Amino acid sequence: KRVFSALAAIGNPEGPRGLNMIRDQHG
């Protein structure tokens, strides 16, 4: 989450995708 949040903070689309993936798979 820390890594994907950092990516999302700078506008990289991989950040939100990673966070969504974690939420979908692990709640």
PDB file of all heavy atoms in Angstrom:
ATOM      1  N   LYS A   1       0.828  -1.207   0.000  1.00  0.00           N
ATOM      2  CA  LYS A   1       0.000   0.000   0.000  1.00  0.00           C
ATOM      3  C   LYS A   1       0.861   1.256   0.000  1.00  0.00           C
ATOM      4  O   LYS A   1       0.543   2.247  -0.688  1.00  0.00           O
ATOM      5  CB  LYS A   1      -0.911   0.001   1.224  1.00  0.00           C
ATOM      6  CG  LYS A   1      -2.063  -0.991   1.149  1.00  0.00           C
ATOM      7  CD  LYS A   1      -2.902  -0.925   2.423  1.00  0.00           C
ATOM      8  CE  LYS A   1      -4.043  -1.928   2.391  1.00  0.00           C
ATOM      9  NZ  LYS A   1      -4.843  -1.876   3.641  1.00  0.00           N
ATOM     10  N   ARG A   2       1.955   1.222   0.750  1.00  0.00           N
ATOM     11  CA  ARG A   2       2.839   2.386   0.806  1.00  0.00           C
ATOM     12  C   ARG A   2       3.398   2.702  -0.576  1.00  0.00           C
ATOM     13  O   ARG A   2       3.425   3.862  -1.008  1.00  0.00           O
ATOM     14  CB  ARG A   2       3.967   2.134   1.798  1.00  0.00           C
ATOM     15  CG  ARG A   2       4.938   3.306   1.960  1.00  0.00           C
ATOM     16  CD  ARG A   2       6.044   2.973   2.941  1.00  0.00           C
ATOM     17  NE  ARG A   2       6.816   1.816   2.520  1.00  0.00           N
ATOM     18  CZ  ARG A   2       7.773   1.870   1.595  1.00  0.00           C
ATOM     19  NH1 ARG A   2       8.052   3.019   0.999  1.00  0.00           N
ATOM     20  NH2 ARG A   2       8.442   0.789   1.283  1.00  0.00           N
ATOM     21  N   VAL A   3       3.819   1.657  -1.303  1.00  0.00           N
ATOM     22  CA  VAL A   3       4.403   1.872  -2.634  1.00  0.00           C
ATOM     23  C   VAL A   3       3.350   2.395  -3.599  1.00  0.00           C
ATOM     24  O   VAL A   3       3.560   3.389  -4.324  1.00  0.00           O
ATOM     25  CB  VAL A   3       5.028   0.566  -3.161  1.00  0.00           C
ATOM     26  CG1 VAL A   3       5.460   0.733  -4.620  1.00  0.00           C
ATOM     27  CG2 VAL A   3       6.205   0.151  -2.304  1.00  0.00           C
ATOM     28  N   PHE A   4       2.177   1.731  -3.664  1.00  0.00           N
ATOM     29  CA  PHE A   4       1.150   2.142  -4.613  1.00  0.00           C
ATOM     30  C   PHE A   4       0.575   3.524  -4.254  1.00  0.00           C
ATOM     31  O   PHE A   4       0.186   4.292  -5.139  1.00  0.00           O
ATOM     32  CB  PHE A   4       0.042   1.097  -4.678  1.00  0.00           C
ATOM     33  CG  PHE A   4       0.452  -0.171  -5.385  1.00  0.00           C
ATOM     34  CD1 PHE A   4       0.297  -1.416  -4.789  1.00  0.00           C
ATOM     35  CD2 PHE A   4       1.010  -0.122  -6.659  1.00  0.00           C
ATOM     36  CE1 PHE A   4       0.688  -2.577  -5.443  1.00  0.00           C
ATOM     37  CE2 PHE A   4       1.406  -1.285  -7.312  1.00  0.00           C
ATOM     38  CZ  PHE A   4       1.248  -2.513  -6.707  1.00  0.00           C
ATOM     39  N   SER A   5       0.542   3.851  -2.974  1.00  0.00           N
ATOM     40  CA  SER A   5       0.074   5.181  -2.565  1.00  0.00           C
ATOM     41  C   SER A   5       1.028   6.258  -3.051  1.00  0.00           C
ATOM     42  O   SER A   5       0.599   7.341  -3.505  1.00  0.00           O
ATOM     43  CB  SER A   5      -0.064   5.245  -1.036  1.00  0.00           C
ATOM     44  OG  SER A   5      -1.088   4.374  -0.593  1.00  0.00           O
ATOM     45  N   ALA A   6       2.330   5.964  -2.982  1.00  0.00           N
ATOM     46  CA  ALA A   6       3.318   6.930  -3.467  1.00  0.00           C
ATOM     47  C   ALA A   6       3.160   7.139  -4.960  1.00  0.00           C
ATOM     48  O   ALA A   6       3.269   8.266  -5.466  1.00  0.00           O
ATOM     49  CB  ALA A   6       4.722   6.447  -3.125  1.00  0.00           C
ATOM     50  N   LEU A   7       2.901   6.077  -5.693  1.00  0.00           N
ATOM     51  CA  LEU A   7       2.693   6.200  -7.137  1.00  0.00           C
ATOM     52  C   LEU A   7       1.420   6.998  -7.430  1.00  0.00           C
ATOM     53  O   LEU A   7       1.395   7.837  -8.334  1.00  0.00           O
ATOM     54  CB  LEU A   7       2.602   4.802  -7.778  1.00  0.00           C
ATOM     55  CG  LEU A   7       3.912   4.005  -7.867  1.00  0.00           C
ATOM     56  CD1 LEU A   7       3.633   2.556  -8.255  1.00  0.00           C
ATOM     57  CD2 LEU A   7       4.862   4.647  -8.871  1.00  0.00           C
ATOM     58  N   ALA A   8       0.381   6.736  -6.659  1.00  0.00           N
ATOM     59  CA  ALA A   8      -0.872   7.454  -6.885  1.00  0.00           C
ATOM     60  C   ALA A   8      -0.715   8.937  -6.585  1.00  0.00           C
ATOM     61  O   ALA A   8      -1.315   9.792  -7.256  1.00  0.00           O
ATOM     62  CB  ALA A   8      -1.975   6.843  -6.019  1.00  0.00           C
ATOM     63  N   ALA A   9       0.124   9.253  -5.593  1.00  0.00           N
ATOM     64  CA  ALA A   9       0.301  10.648  -5.189  1.00  0.00           C
ATOM     65  C   ALA A   9       0.947  11.478  -6.288  1.00  0.00           C
ATOM     66  O   ALA A   9       0.734  12.697  -6.353  1.00  0.00           O
ATOM     67  CB  ALA A   9       1.132  10.717  -3.910  1.00  0.00           C
ATOM     68  N   ILE A  10       1.725  10.867  -7.149  1.00  0.00           N
ATOM     69  CA  ILE A  10       2.376  11.622  -8.230  1.00  0.00           C
ATOM     70  C   ILE A  10       1.606  11.466  -9.544  1.00  0.00           C
ATOM     71  O   ILE A  10       2.101  11.832 -10.611  1.00  0.00           O
ATOM     72  CB  ILE A  10       3.839  11.181  -8.406  1.00  0.00           C
ATOM     73  CG1 ILE A  10       3.922   9.690  -8.779  1.00  0.00           C
ATOM     74  CG2 ILE A  10       4.649  11.472  -7.154  1.00  0.00           C
ATOM     75  CD1 ILE A  10       5.336   9.232  -9.109  1.00  0.00           C
ATOM     76  N   GLY A  11       0.433  10.866  -9.493  1.00  0.00           N
ATOM     77  CA  GLY A  11      -0.412  10.767 -10.682  1.00  0.00           C
ATOM     78  C   GLY A  11      -0.123   9.578 -11.568  1.00  0.00           C
ATOM     79  O   GLY A  11      -0.640   9.512 -12.686  1.00  0.00           O
ATOM     80  N   ASN A  12       0.684   8.646 -11.117  1.00  0.00           N
ATOM     81  CA  ASN A  12       0.959   7.460 -11.943  1.00  0.00           C
ATOM     82  C   ASN A  12      -0.230   6.509 -11.877  1.00  0.00           C
ATOM     83  O   ASN A  12      -0.680   6.152 -10.783  1.00  0.00           O
ATOM     84  CB  ASN A  12       2.228   6.759 -11.441  1.00  0.00           C
ATOM     85  CG  ASN A  12       2.679   5.658 -12.397  1.00  0.00           C
ATOM     86  OD1 ASN A  12       2.005   4.653 -12.541  1.00  0.00           O
ATOM     87  ND2 ASN A  12       3.819   5.867 -13.030  1.00  0.00           N
ATOM     88  N   PRO A  13      -0.799   6.095 -12.992  1.00  0.00           N
ATOM     89  CA  PRO A  13      -1.997   5.247 -12.978  1.00  0.00           C
ATOM     90  C   PRO A  13      -1.781   3.893 -12.321  1.00  0.00           C
ATOM     91  O   PRO A  13      -2.752   3.239 -11.927  1.00  0.00           O
ATOM     92  CB  PRO A  13      -2.350   5.097 -14.462  1.00  0.00           C
ATOM     93  CG  PRO A  13      -1.081   5.373 -15.195  1.00  0.00           C
ATOM     94  CD  PRO A  13      -0.354   6.385 -14.386  1.00  0.00           C
ATOM     95  N   GLU A  14      -0.517   3.444 -12.228  1.00  0.00           N
ATOM     96  CA  GLU A  14      -0.277   2.152 -11.599  1.00  0.00           C
ATOM     97  C   GLU A  14      -0.608   2.200 -10.110  1.00  0.00           C
ATOM     98  O   GLU A  14      -0.906   1.165  -9.502  1.00  0.00           O
ATOM     99  CB  GLU A  14       1.184   1.725 -11.800  1.00  0.00           C
ATOM    100  CG  GLU A  14       1.541   1.419 -13.236  1.00  0.00           C
ATOM    101  CD  GLU A  14       0.730   0.259 -13.808  1.00  0.00           C
ATOM    102  OE1 GLU A  14       0.348  -0.635 -13.033  1.00  0.00           O
ATOM    103  OE2 GLU A  14       0.471   0.255 -15.029  1.00  0.00           O
ATOM    104  N   GLY A  15      -0.541   3.392  -9.514  1.00  0.00           N
ATOM    105  CA  GLY A  15      -0.863   3.508  -8.094  1.00  0.00           C
ATOM    106  C   GLY A  15      -2.295   3.124  -7.796  1.00  0.00           C
ATOM    107  O   GLY A  15      -2.551   2.203  -6.991  1.00  0.00           O
ATOM    108  N   PRO A  16      -3.296   3.808  -8.396  1.00  0.00           N
ATOM    109  CA  PRO A  16      -4.688   3.427  -8.144  1.00  0.00           C
ATOM    110  C   PRO A  16      -4.989   1.981  -8.511  1.00  0.00           C
ATOM    111  O   PRO A  16      -5.762   1.303  -7.822  1.00  0.00           O
ATOM    112  CB  PRO A  16      -5.478   4.403  -9.017  1.00  0.00           C
ATOM    113  CG  PRO A  16      -4.574   5.580  -9.192  1.00  0.00           C
ATOM    114  CD  PRO A  16      -3.194   5.022  -9.229  1.00  0.00           C
ATOM    115  N   ARG A  17      -4.390   1.499  -9.609  1.00  0.00           N
ATOM    116  CA  ARG A  17      -4.637   0.104  -9.995  1.00  0.00           C
ATOM    117  C   ARG A  17      -4.161  -0.847  -8.903  1.00  0.00           C
ATOM    118  O   ARG A  17      -4.829  -1.822  -8.560  1.00  0.00           O
ATOM    119  CB  ARG A  17      -3.917  -0.220 -11.304  1.00  0.00           C
ATOM    120  CG  ARG A  17      -4.519   0.438 -12.522  1.00  0.00           C
ATOM    121  CD  ARG A  17      -3.672   0.158 -13.740  1.00  0.00           C
ATOM    122  NE  ARG A  17      -4.134   0.895 -14.908  1.00  0.00           N
ATOM    123  CZ  ARG A  17      -3.419   1.063 -16.010  1.00  0.00           C
ATOM    124  NH1 ARG A  17      -2.197   0.554 -16.086  1.00  0.00           N
ATOM    125  NH2 ARG A  17      -3.907   1.744 -17.020  1.00  0.00           N
ATOM    126  N   GLY A  18      -2.954  -0.584  -8.384  1.00  0.00           N
ATOM    127  CA  GLY A  18      -2.435  -1.448  -7.334  1.00  0.00           C
ATOM    128  C   GLY A  18      -3.280  -1.403  -6.084  1.00  0.00           C
ATOM    129  O   GLY A  18      -3.557  -2.440  -5.461  1.00  0.00           O
ATOM    130  N   LEU A  19      -3.719  -0.196  -5.697  1.00  0.00           N
ATOM    131  CA  LEU A  19      -4.546  -0.076  -4.493  1.00  0.00           C
ATOM    132  C   LEU A  19      -5.883  -0.784  -4.683  1.00  0.00           C
ATOM    133  O   LEU A  19      -6.392  -1.445  -3.762  1.00  0.00           O
ATOM    134  CB  LEU A  19      -4.759   1.398  -4.167  1.00  0.00           C
ATOM    135  CG  LEU A  19      -3.488   2.161  -3.716  1.00  0.00           C
ATOM    136  CD1 LEU A  19      -3.766   3.653  -3.632  1.00  0.00           C
ATOM    137  CD2 LEU A  19      -2.984   1.624  -2.385  1.00  0.00           C
ATOM    138  N   ASN A  20      -6.476  -0.635  -5.867  1.00  0.00           N
ATOM    139  CA  ASN A  20      -7.736  -1.329  -6.140  1.00  0.00           C
ATOM    140  C   ASN A  20      -7.560  -2.846  -6.100  1.00  0.00           C
ATOM    141  O   ASN A  20      -8.436  -3.582  -5.627  1.00  0.00           O
ATOM    142  CB  ASN A  20      -8.290  -0.912  -7.497  1.00  0.00           C
ATOM    143  CG  ASN A  20      -8.782   0.521  -7.496  1.00  0.00           C
ATOM    144  OD1 ASN A  20      -9.138   1.074  -6.441  1.00  0.00           O
ATOM    145  ND2 ASN A  20      -8.796   1.139  -8.673  1.00  0.00           N
ATOM    146  N   MET A  21      -6.424  -3.303  -6.629  1.00  0.00           N
ATOM    147  CA  MET A  21      -6.156  -4.746  -6.632  1.00  0.00           C
ATOM    148  C   MET A  21      -6.067  -5.274  -5.201  1.00  0.00           C
ATOM    149  O   MET A  21      -6.634  -6.331  -4.869  1.00  0.00           O
ATOM    150  CB  MET A  21      -4.840  -5.032  -7.370  1.00  0.00           C
ATOM    151  CG  MET A  21      -4.426  -6.499  -7.364  1.00  0.00           C
ATOM    152  SD  MET A  21      -2.800  -6.766  -8.093  1.00  0.00           S
ATOM    153  CE  MET A  21      -1.774  -5.908  -6.885  1.00  0.00           C
ATOM    154  N   ILE A  22      -5.371  -4.502  -4.317  1.00  0.00           N
ATOM    155  CA  ILE A  22      -5.245  -4.934  -2.920  1.00  0.00           C
ATOM    156  C   ILE A  22      -6.615  -4.963  -2.250  1.00  0.00           C
ATOM    157  O   ILE A  22      -6.964  -5.902  -1.527  1.00  0.00           O
ATOM    158  CB  ILE A  22      -4.282  -3.998  -2.163  1.00  0.00           C
ATOM    159  CG1 ILE A  22      -2.864  -4.138  -2.735  1.00  0.00           C
ATOM    160  CG2 ILE A  22      -4.287  -4.310  -0.674  1.00  0.00           C
ATOM    161  CD1 ILE A  22      -1.887  -3.132  -2.169  1.00  0.00           C
ATOM    162  N   ARG A  23      -7.420  -3.932  -2.529  1.00  0.00           N
ATOM    163  CA  ARG A  23      -8.744  -3.858  -1.917  1.00  0.00           C
ATOM    164  C   ARG A  23      -9.641  -4.998  -2.408  1.00  0.00           C
ATOM    165  O   ARG A  23     -10.359  -5.629  -1.628  1.00  0.00           O
ATOM    166  CB  ARG A  23      -9.384  -2.505  -2.226  1.00  0.00           C
ATOM    167  CG  ARG A  23     -10.763  -2.327  -1.548  1.00  0.00           C
ATOM    168  CD  ARG A  23     -11.285  -0.897  -1.706  1.00  0.00           C
ATOM    169  NE  ARG A  23     -11.348  -0.483  -3.098  1.00  0.00           N
ATOM    170  CZ  ARG A  23     -10.479   0.355  -3.662  1.00  0.00           C
ATOM    171  NH1 ARG A  23      -9.489   0.867  -2.951  1.00  0.00           N
ATOM    172  NH2 ARG A  23     -10.594   0.691  -4.947  1.00  0.00           N
ATOM    173  N   ASP A  24      -9.555  -5.319  -3.734  1.00  0.00           N
ATOM    174  CA  ASP A  24     -10.409  -6.374  -4.279  1.00  0.00           C
ATOM    175  C   ASP A  24     -10.020  -7.754  -3.749  1.00  0.00           C
ATOM    176  O   ASP A  24     -10.873  -8.618  -3.527  1.00  0.00           O
ATOM    177  CB  ASP A  24     -10.329  -6.383  -5.807  1.00  0.00           C
ATOM    178  CG  ASP A  24     -10.950  -5.138  -6.422  1.00  0.00           C
ATOM    179  OD1 ASP A  24     -11.730  -4.451  -5.711  1.00  0.00           O
ATOM    180  OD2 ASP A  24     -10.636  -4.846  -7.599  1.00  0.00           O
ATOM    181  N   GLN A  25      -8.706  -7.950  -3.569  1.00  0.00           N
ATOM    182  CA  GLN A  25      -8.234  -9.277  -3.184  1.00  0.00           C
ATOM    183  C   GLN A  25      -8.196  -9.484  -1.675  1.00  0.00           C
ATOM    184  O   GLN A  25      -8.339 -10.619  -1.196  1.00  0.00           O
ATOM    185  CB  GLN A  25      -6.830  -9.524  -3.764  1.00  0.00           C
ATOM    186  CG  GLN A  25      -6.814  -9.588  -5.285  1.00  0.00           C
ATOM    187  CD  GLN A  25      -5.413  -9.843  -5.833  1.00  0.00           C
ATOM    188  OE1 GLN A  25      -4.492 -10.092  -5.068  1.00  0.00           O
ATOM    189  NE2 GLN A  25      -5.275  -9.780  -7.152  1.00  0.00           N
ATOM    190  N   HIS A  26      -7.971  -8.390  -0.929  1.00  0.00           N
ATOM    191  CA  HIS A  26      -7.742  -8.565   0.508  1.00  0.00           C
ATOM    192  C   HIS A  26      -8.669  -7.709   1.369  1.00  0.00           C
ATOM    193  O   HIS A  26      -8.549  -7.728   2.598  1.00  0.00           O
ATOM    194  CB  HIS A  26      -6.285  -8.220   0.837  1.00  0.00           C
ATOM    195  CG  HIS A  26      -5.311  -9.063   0.084  1.00  0.00           C
ATOM    196  ND1 HIS A  26      -4.992 -10.348   0.456  1.00  0.00           N
ATOM    197  CD2 HIS A  26      -4.602  -8.816  -1.056  1.00  0.00           C
ATOM    198  CE1 HIS A  26      -4.111 -10.861  -0.397  1.00  0.00           C
ATOM    199  NE2 HIS A  26      -3.858  -9.937  -1.336  1.00  0.00           N
ATOM    200  N   GLY A  27      -9.533  -6.928   0.744  1.00  0.00           N
ATOM    201  CA  GLY A  27     -10.491  -6.143   1.499  1.00  0.00           C
ATOM    202  C   GLY A  27      -9.886  -4.911   2.136  1.00  0.00           C
ATOM    203  O   GLY A  27      -8.737  -4.584   2.007  1.00  0.00           O
TER     204      GLY A  27
END
